[in-house]
Amino acid sequence: MYDAVLLATDGSTPARDALDQAVALARAEGATLHVLSVVDEGDLDLFSSGELTAVDELLRGAAEDAVADAAERAADAGVDAVRAVRVGIPHREIVDHAVDVGVDVVVVGSHGRRGLSRALLGSVAARVVRGSPVPVLVVPAGRS
């Protein structure tokens, strides 16, 4: 049913919970796991040009680490993994990557925000669900 599974990760606890589900799904289906981390361009806009290079390197390094960790855990489970890091607006980059790669399903973690904090901050997972042309598996915080 699934040949390609996309995991969107930022290295957080909810993303690690989603990783467990994505690896299990990819393993059960014999699918390739595509692991993506997005450096939020909004985070880069907060810094002056003098600070930008150091911050950009730090954020890209964290994204690379999250992707490497996920790919390593997938490999330990016998699942082939392809790594990617993109810069942009997270939900848009996730959906665009899903289309570019041609995945069959997207797996994302949810931080479980509710009420005003969700309304003010928005939800990357909710925006991916609304924008994705393929099914999206949202893994709630604390569920793996």
N, C-alpha and C. Protein backbone atom coordinates (compact mmCIF):
# COMPACT_ATOMS: atom_id res chain seq x y z
N MET A 1 0.81 -1.19 0.00
CA MET A 1 0.00 0.00 0.00
C MET A 1 0.86 1.26 0.00
N TYR A 2 1.94 1.27 0.80
CA TYR A 2 2.82 2.43 0.87
C TYR A 2 4.22 2.02 0.43
N ASP A 3 4.76 2.77 -0.53
CA ASP A 3 6.15 2.56 -0.96
C ASP A 3 7.09 3.59 -0.37
N ALA A 4 6.54 4.75 -0.02
CA ALA A 4 7.35 5.84 0.51
C ALA A 4 6.59 6.56 1.61
N VAL A 5 7.25 6.66 2.77
CA VAL A 5 6.68 7.31 3.96
C VAL A 5 7.55 8.52 4.27
N LEU A 6 6.92 9.67 4.51
CA LEU A 6 7.66 10.88 4.90
C LEU A 6 7.45 11.15 6.37
N LEU A 7 8.55 11.26 7.09
CA LEU A 7 8.52 11.68 8.49
C LEU A 7 9.06 13.10 8.56
N ALA A 8 8.26 14.00 9.12
CA ALA A 8 8.72 15.36 9.38
C ALA A 8 9.17 15.41 10.83
N THR A 9 10.41 15.85 11.06
CA THR A 9 10.94 15.85 12.42
C THR A 9 11.67 17.14 12.74
N ASP A 10 11.57 17.52 14.01
CA ASP A 10 12.38 18.63 14.52
C ASP A 10 13.23 18.15 15.69
N GLY A 11 13.21 16.84 15.92
CA GLY A 11 14.00 16.26 17.00
C GLY A 11 13.34 16.32 18.36
N SER A 12 12.14 16.88 18.44
CA SER A 12 11.42 17.01 19.71
C SER A 12 10.86 15.66 20.15
N THR A 13 10.37 15.61 21.38
CA THR A 13 9.76 14.38 21.89
C THR A 13 8.58 13.94 21.03
N PRO A 14 7.65 14.84 20.66
CA PRO A 14 6.56 14.39 19.78
C PRO A 14 7.08 13.87 18.43
N ALA A 15 8.13 14.46 17.91
CA ALA A 15 8.70 13.99 16.65
C ALA A 15 9.31 12.61 16.82
N ARG A 16 9.91 12.34 17.97
CA ARG A 16 10.47 11.01 18.22
C ARG A 16 9.35 9.98 18.36
N ASP A 17 8.22 10.37 18.95
CA ASP A 17 7.06 9.48 19.00
C ASP A 17 6.57 9.19 17.58
N ALA A 18 6.53 10.21 16.74
CA ALA A 18 6.11 10.03 15.35
C ALA A 18 7.11 9.14 14.60
N LEU A 19 8.39 9.27 14.93
CA LEU A 19 9.41 8.43 14.32
C LEU A 19 9.12 6.96 14.57
N ASP A 20 8.78 6.61 15.79
CA ASP A 20 8.46 5.22 16.10
C ASP A 20 7.34 4.70 15.21
N GLN A 21 6.30 5.51 15.03
CA GLN A 21 5.17 5.11 14.18
C GLN A 21 5.59 5.03 12.71
N ALA A 22 6.38 5.99 12.25
CA ALA A 22 6.81 6.01 10.85
C ALA A 22 7.69 4.81 10.53
N VAL A 23 8.59 4.48 11.43
CA VAL A 23 9.47 3.33 11.22
C VAL A 23 8.65 2.04 11.20
N ALA A 24 7.73 1.92 12.14
CA ALA A 24 6.88 0.72 12.18
C ALA A 24 6.07 0.58 10.89
N LEU A 25 5.52 1.70 10.42
CA LEU A 25 4.73 1.68 9.19
C LEU A 25 5.59 1.33 7.99
N ALA A 26 6.74 1.98 7.86
CA ALA A 26 7.64 1.71 6.74
C ALA A 26 8.12 0.25 6.77
N ARG A 27 8.43 -0.23 7.94
CA ARG A 27 8.90 -1.62 8.06
C ARG A 27 7.80 -2.60 7.66
N ALA A 28 6.59 -2.38 8.14
CA ALA A 28 5.47 -3.27 7.83
C ALA A 28 5.15 -3.27 6.34
N GLU A 29 5.35 -2.13 5.70
CA GLU A 29 5.00 -1.99 4.28
C GLU A 29 6.19 -2.24 3.35
N GLY A 30 7.39 -2.39 3.91
CA GLY A 30 8.58 -2.53 3.07
C GLY A 30 8.87 -1.24 2.32
N ALA A 31 8.52 -0.11 2.94
CA ALA A 31 8.64 1.20 2.30
C ALA A 31 9.96 1.88 2.67
N THR A 32 10.33 2.84 1.86
CA THR A 32 11.45 3.72 2.17
C THR A 32 10.94 4.84 3.06
N LEU A 33 11.72 5.18 4.08
CA LEU A 33 11.37 6.29 4.96
C LEU A 33 12.15 7.52 4.53
N HIS A 34 11.43 8.57 4.18
CA HIS A 34 12.03 9.85 3.84
C HIS A 34 11.94 10.71 5.10
N VAL A 35 13.09 11.16 5.59
CA VAL A 35 13.14 11.93 6.83
C VAL A 35 13.47 13.38 6.48
N LEU A 36 12.60 14.29 6.90
CA LEU A 36 12.75 15.71 6.58
C LEU A 36 12.73 16.54 7.85
N SER A 37 13.63 17.51 7.92
CA SER A 37 13.58 18.53 8.95
C SER A 37 13.61 19.88 8.25
N VAL A 38 12.79 20.80 8.73
CA VAL A 38 12.70 22.12 8.11
C VAL A 38 13.23 23.17 9.08
N VAL A 39 14.17 23.95 8.59
CA VAL A 39 14.64 25.12 9.34
C VAL A 39 13.64 26.23 9.04
N ASP A 40 12.98 26.69 10.09
CA ASP A 40 11.93 27.70 9.94
C ASP A 40 12.55 29.05 9.58
N GLU A 41 12.23 29.53 8.39
CA GLU A 41 12.80 30.81 7.96
C GLU A 41 12.38 31.96 8.88
N GLY A 42 11.26 31.81 9.57
CA GLY A 42 10.83 32.82 10.53
C GLY A 42 11.79 32.95 11.69
N ASP A 43 12.42 31.85 12.06
CA ASP A 43 13.42 31.89 13.12
C ASP A 43 14.65 32.67 12.68
N LEU A 44 14.97 32.58 11.40
CA LEU A 44 16.14 33.30 10.88
C LEU A 44 15.88 34.79 10.77
N ASP A 45 14.62 35.17 10.57
CA ASP A 45 14.26 36.59 10.44
C ASP A 45 14.44 37.36 11.75
N LEU A 46 14.60 36.66 12.85
CA LEU A 46 14.69 37.32 14.15
C LEU A 46 16.07 37.91 14.43
N PHE A 47 17.04 37.61 13.58
CA PHE A 47 18.41 38.00 13.87
C PHE A 47 18.95 38.97 12.84
N SER A 48 19.90 39.79 13.29
CA SER A 48 20.54 40.73 12.38
C SER A 48 21.47 39.97 11.44
N SER A 49 21.86 40.63 10.37
CA SER A 49 22.71 39.96 9.38
C SER A 49 24.04 39.51 10.00
N GLY A 50 24.54 40.22 10.99
CA GLY A 50 25.78 39.84 11.64
C GLY A 50 25.65 38.55 12.43
N GLU A 51 24.49 38.34 13.01
CA GLU A 51 24.24 37.13 13.80
C GLU A 51 23.72 35.98 12.94
N LEU A 52 23.21 36.30 11.78
CA LEU A 52 22.49 35.34 10.97
C LEU A 52 23.30 34.10 10.61
N THR A 53 24.54 34.27 10.23
CA THR A 53 25.35 33.12 9.81
C THR A 53 25.49 32.12 10.94
N ALA A 54 25.79 32.58 12.13
CA ALA A 54 25.96 31.68 13.26
C ALA A 54 24.64 30.99 13.62
N VAL A 55 23.55 31.74 13.60
CA VAL A 55 22.24 31.16 13.93
C VAL A 55 21.83 30.16 12.86
N ASP A 56 22.04 30.51 11.59
CA ASP A 56 21.70 29.63 10.48
C ASP A 56 22.46 28.31 10.61
N GLU A 57 23.74 28.40 10.92
CA GLU A 57 24.55 27.19 11.09
C GLU A 57 24.05 26.35 12.26
N LEU A 58 23.69 27.01 13.34
CA LEU A 58 23.18 26.32 14.52
C LEU A 58 21.87 25.60 14.21
N LEU A 59 20.93 26.30 13.57
CA LEU A 59 19.63 25.70 13.24
C LEU A 59 19.77 24.58 12.21
N ARG A 60 20.61 24.79 11.21
CA ARG A 60 20.85 23.73 10.22
C ARG A 60 21.51 22.52 10.88
N GLY A 61 22.42 22.77 11.79
CA GLY A 61 23.07 21.67 12.51
C GLY A 61 22.07 20.86 13.32
N ALA A 62 21.15 21.55 13.99
CA ALA A 62 20.11 20.86 14.76
C ALA A 62 19.21 20.05 13.84
N ALA A 63 18.86 20.62 12.69
CA ALA A 63 18.03 19.91 11.73
C ALA A 63 18.76 18.67 11.18
N GLU A 64 20.03 18.83 10.86
CA GLU A 64 20.83 17.69 10.37
C GLU A 64 20.92 16.60 11.44
N ASP A 65 21.10 17.01 12.69
CA ASP A 65 21.17 16.04 13.79
C ASP A 65 19.86 15.28 13.94
N ALA A 66 18.73 15.98 13.85
CA ALA A 66 17.42 15.34 13.97
C ALA A 66 17.22 14.32 12.86
N VAL A 67 17.60 14.70 11.65
CA VAL A 67 17.46 13.81 10.50
C VAL A 67 18.40 12.61 10.63
N ALA A 68 19.63 12.85 11.04
CA ALA A 68 20.59 11.76 11.20
C ALA A 68 20.14 10.77 12.26
N ASP A 69 19.64 11.28 13.38
CA ASP A 69 19.16 10.41 14.46
C ASP A 69 18.00 9.54 13.97
N ALA A 70 17.06 10.15 13.26
CA ALA A 70 15.91 9.41 12.76
C ALA A 70 16.34 8.36 11.73
N ALA A 71 17.25 8.72 10.84
CA ALA A 71 17.72 7.77 9.82
C ALA A 71 18.47 6.61 10.47
N GLU A 72 19.22 6.90 11.52
CA GLU A 72 19.95 5.85 12.23
C GLU A 72 18.99 4.89 12.91
N ARG A 73 17.96 5.43 13.55
CA ARG A 73 16.96 4.58 14.21
C ARG A 73 16.21 3.74 13.19
N ALA A 74 15.93 4.31 12.02
CA ALA A 74 15.28 3.55 10.96
C ALA A 74 16.18 2.41 10.49
N ALA A 75 17.45 2.73 10.26
CA ALA A 75 18.40 1.70 9.81
C ALA A 75 18.51 0.57 10.83
N ASP A 76 18.51 0.92 12.12
CA ASP A 76 18.56 -0.10 13.17
C ASP A 76 17.37 -1.04 13.11
N ALA A 77 16.25 -0.56 12.58
CA ALA A 77 15.03 -1.36 12.44
C ALA A 77 14.95 -2.03 11.07
N GLY A 78 15.99 -1.86 10.26
CA GLY A 78 16.01 -2.49 8.95
C GLY A 78 15.24 -1.73 7.88
N VAL A 79 15.05 -0.43 8.09
CA VAL A 79 14.29 0.40 7.15
C VAL A 79 15.25 1.35 6.43
N ASP A 80 15.17 1.37 5.10
CA ASP A 80 15.98 2.31 4.32
C ASP A 80 15.46 3.72 4.55
N ALA A 81 16.38 4.67 4.73
CA ALA A 81 15.98 6.05 4.99
C ALA A 81 16.75 7.00 4.08
N VAL A 82 16.04 8.01 3.62
CA VAL A 82 16.61 9.09 2.80
C VAL A 82 16.46 10.37 3.61
N ARG A 83 17.54 11.16 3.69
CA ARG A 83 17.55 12.36 4.54
C ARG A 83 17.39 13.64 3.71
N ALA A 84 16.73 14.63 4.31
CA ALA A 84 16.62 15.94 3.67
C ALA A 84 16.43 17.02 4.72
N VAL A 85 17.02 18.18 4.46
CA VAL A 85 16.80 19.38 5.26
C VAL A 85 16.43 20.49 4.29
N ARG A 86 15.37 21.21 4.63
CA ARG A 86 14.92 22.34 3.81
C ARG A 86 14.78 23.56 4.69
N VAL A 87 14.78 24.73 4.07
CA VAL A 87 14.58 26.00 4.77
C VAL A 87 13.33 26.63 4.21
N GLY A 88 12.45 27.10 5.10
CA GLY A 88 11.24 27.75 4.65
C GLY A 88 10.18 27.75 5.73
N ILE A 89 8.94 27.81 5.32
CA ILE A 89 7.81 27.76 6.24
C ILE A 89 7.50 26.28 6.43
N PRO A 90 7.61 25.76 7.67
CA PRO A 90 7.57 24.32 7.88
C PRO A 90 6.43 23.56 7.20
N HIS A 91 5.18 23.99 7.40
CA HIS A 91 4.10 23.19 6.81
C HIS A 91 4.15 23.20 5.29
N ARG A 92 4.55 24.31 4.71
CA ARG A 92 4.65 24.38 3.24
C ARG A 92 5.78 23.50 2.72
N GLU A 93 6.91 23.53 3.41
CA GLU A 93 8.05 22.72 2.98
C GLU A 93 7.74 21.23 3.12
N ILE A 94 7.02 20.84 4.16
CA ILE A 94 6.66 19.44 4.34
C ILE A 94 5.76 18.98 3.21
N VAL A 95 4.73 19.75 2.91
CA VAL A 95 3.81 19.39 1.83
C VAL A 95 4.54 19.40 0.49
N ASP A 96 5.36 20.41 0.24
CA ASP A 96 6.11 20.47 -1.02
C ASP A 96 7.05 19.27 -1.16
N HIS A 97 7.70 18.91 -0.08
CA HIS A 97 8.62 17.77 -0.13
C HIS A 97 7.85 16.47 -0.39
N ALA A 98 6.69 16.34 0.23
CA ALA A 98 5.86 15.15 0.00
C ALA A 98 5.52 15.02 -1.48
N VAL A 99 5.19 16.13 -2.11
CA VAL A 99 4.87 16.13 -3.54
C VAL A 99 6.13 15.88 -4.37
N ASP A 100 7.23 16.57 -4.04
CA ASP A 100 8.47 16.43 -4.80
C ASP A 100 8.98 15.00 -4.81
N VAL A 101 8.90 14.34 -3.66
CA VAL A 101 9.42 12.98 -3.52
C VAL A 101 8.40 11.94 -3.98
N GLY A 102 7.13 12.30 -3.92
CA GLY A 102 6.07 11.36 -4.31
C GLY A 102 5.76 10.34 -3.24
N VAL A 103 5.69 10.80 -1.98
CA VAL A 103 5.40 9.87 -0.89
C VAL A 103 3.92 9.50 -0.88
N ASP A 104 3.63 8.42 -0.18
CA ASP A 104 2.26 7.91 -0.08
C ASP A 104 1.57 8.34 1.19
N VAL A 105 2.33 8.71 2.21
CA VAL A 105 1.78 9.11 3.50
C VAL A 105 2.81 9.98 4.22
N VAL A 106 2.32 10.94 4.98
CA VAL A 106 3.17 11.82 5.79
C VAL A 106 2.89 11.50 7.26
N VAL A 107 3.95 11.41 8.06
CA VAL A 107 3.81 11.18 9.49
C VAL A 107 4.41 12.38 10.22
N VAL A 108 3.60 12.99 11.10
CA VAL A 108 4.05 14.14 11.88
C VAL A 108 3.64 13.96 13.34
N GLY A 109 4.43 14.52 14.23
CA GLY A 109 4.07 14.53 15.64
C GLY A 109 3.29 15.80 15.94
N SER A 110 2.53 15.72 17.01
CA SER A 110 1.77 16.89 17.46
C SER A 110 2.21 17.23 18.88
N HIS A 111 2.45 18.50 19.12
CA HIS A 111 2.86 18.93 20.46
C HIS A 111 1.70 18.92 21.45
N GLY A 112 0.50 18.76 20.95
CA GLY A 112 -0.65 18.66 21.84
C GLY A 112 -1.12 19.98 22.43
N ARG A 113 -0.77 21.09 21.77
CA ARG A 113 -1.24 22.38 22.27
C ARG A 113 -2.75 22.48 22.09
N ARG A 114 -3.39 23.14 23.02
CA ARG A 114 -4.83 23.30 22.95
C ARG A 114 -5.18 24.77 23.23
N GLY A 115 -6.38 25.14 22.90
CA GLY A 115 -6.90 26.44 23.28
C GLY A 115 -6.14 27.60 22.69
N LEU A 116 -5.89 28.60 23.52
CA LEU A 116 -5.31 29.86 23.06
C LEU A 116 -3.91 29.67 22.49
N SER A 117 -3.08 28.82 23.12
CA SER A 117 -1.72 28.66 22.61
C SER A 117 -1.74 28.08 21.20
N ARG A 118 -2.67 27.15 20.92
CA ARG A 118 -2.76 26.61 19.56
C ARG A 118 -3.28 27.67 18.61
N ALA A 119 -4.26 28.44 19.05
CA ALA A 119 -4.82 29.48 18.18
C ALA A 119 -3.78 30.54 17.84
N LEU A 120 -2.95 30.90 18.82
CA LEU A 120 -1.94 31.93 18.59
C LEU A 120 -0.75 31.40 17.81
N LEU A 121 -0.32 30.19 18.15
CA LEU A 121 0.88 29.63 17.54
C LEU A 121 0.58 28.87 16.25
N GLY A 122 -0.65 28.41 16.11
CA GLY A 122 -0.97 27.57 14.97
C GLY A 122 -0.44 26.18 15.19
N SER A 123 -0.71 25.32 14.27
CA SER A 123 -0.24 23.96 14.38
C SER A 123 0.32 23.52 13.04
N VAL A 124 1.61 23.19 13.02
CA VAL A 124 2.21 22.70 11.79
C VAL A 124 1.48 21.45 11.34
N ALA A 125 1.20 20.55 12.28
CA ALA A 125 0.52 19.30 11.93
C ALA A 125 -0.84 19.59 11.29
N ALA A 126 -1.62 20.49 11.88
CA ALA A 126 -2.94 20.81 11.33
C ALA A 126 -2.82 21.41 9.93
N ARG A 127 -1.83 22.24 9.72
CA ARG A 127 -1.65 22.86 8.41
C ARG A 127 -1.20 21.83 7.38
N VAL A 128 -0.38 20.88 7.80
CA VAL A 128 0.03 19.80 6.89
C VAL A 128 -1.20 18.98 6.50
N VAL A 129 -2.04 18.66 7.48
CA VAL A 129 -3.26 17.90 7.19
C VAL A 129 -4.10 18.62 6.15
N ARG A 130 -4.27 19.92 6.32
CA ARG A 130 -5.11 20.69 5.39
C ARG A 130 -4.49 20.81 4.01
N GLY A 131 -3.16 20.84 3.92
CA GLY A 131 -2.51 21.08 2.63
C GLY A 131 -1.99 19.86 1.91
N SER A 132 -1.95 18.73 2.56
CA SER A 132 -1.34 17.55 1.97
C SER A 132 -2.25 16.86 0.96
N PRO A 133 -1.68 16.48 -0.18
CA PRO A 133 -2.45 15.72 -1.16
C PRO A 133 -2.49 14.22 -0.85
N VAL A 134 -1.74 13.80 0.18
CA VAL A 134 -1.71 12.39 0.58
C VAL A 134 -2.14 12.29 2.04
N PRO A 135 -2.50 11.09 2.50
CA PRO A 135 -2.90 10.95 3.90
C PRO A 135 -1.79 11.40 4.86
N VAL A 136 -2.23 11.90 6.02
CA VAL A 136 -1.30 12.36 7.05
C VAL A 136 -1.65 11.62 8.35
N LEU A 137 -0.64 10.99 8.93
CA LEU A 137 -0.78 10.36 10.23
C LEU A 137 -0.22 11.31 11.27
N VAL A 138 -1.09 11.83 12.15
CA VAL A 138 -0.66 12.74 13.20
C VAL A 138 -0.55 11.92 14.48
N VAL A 139 0.64 11.90 15.07
CA VAL A 139 0.90 11.15 16.29
C VAL A 139 0.86 12.12 17.46
N PRO A 140 -0.14 11.98 18.34
CA PRO A 140 -0.25 12.90 19.48
C PRO A 140 0.95 12.78 20.42
N ALA A 141 1.27 13.86 21.10
CA ALA A 141 2.36 13.85 22.07
C ALA A 141 2.17 12.73 23.07
N GLY A 142 3.23 12.02 23.37
CA GLY A 142 3.17 10.95 24.37
C GLY A 142 2.67 9.63 23.86
N ARG A 143 2.42 9.53 22.57
CA ARG A 143 1.92 8.27 22.00
C ARG A 143 2.94 7.70 21.04
N SER A 144 3.44 6.56 21.33
CA SER A 144 4.35 5.91 20.37
C SER A 144 4.10 4.45 20.35
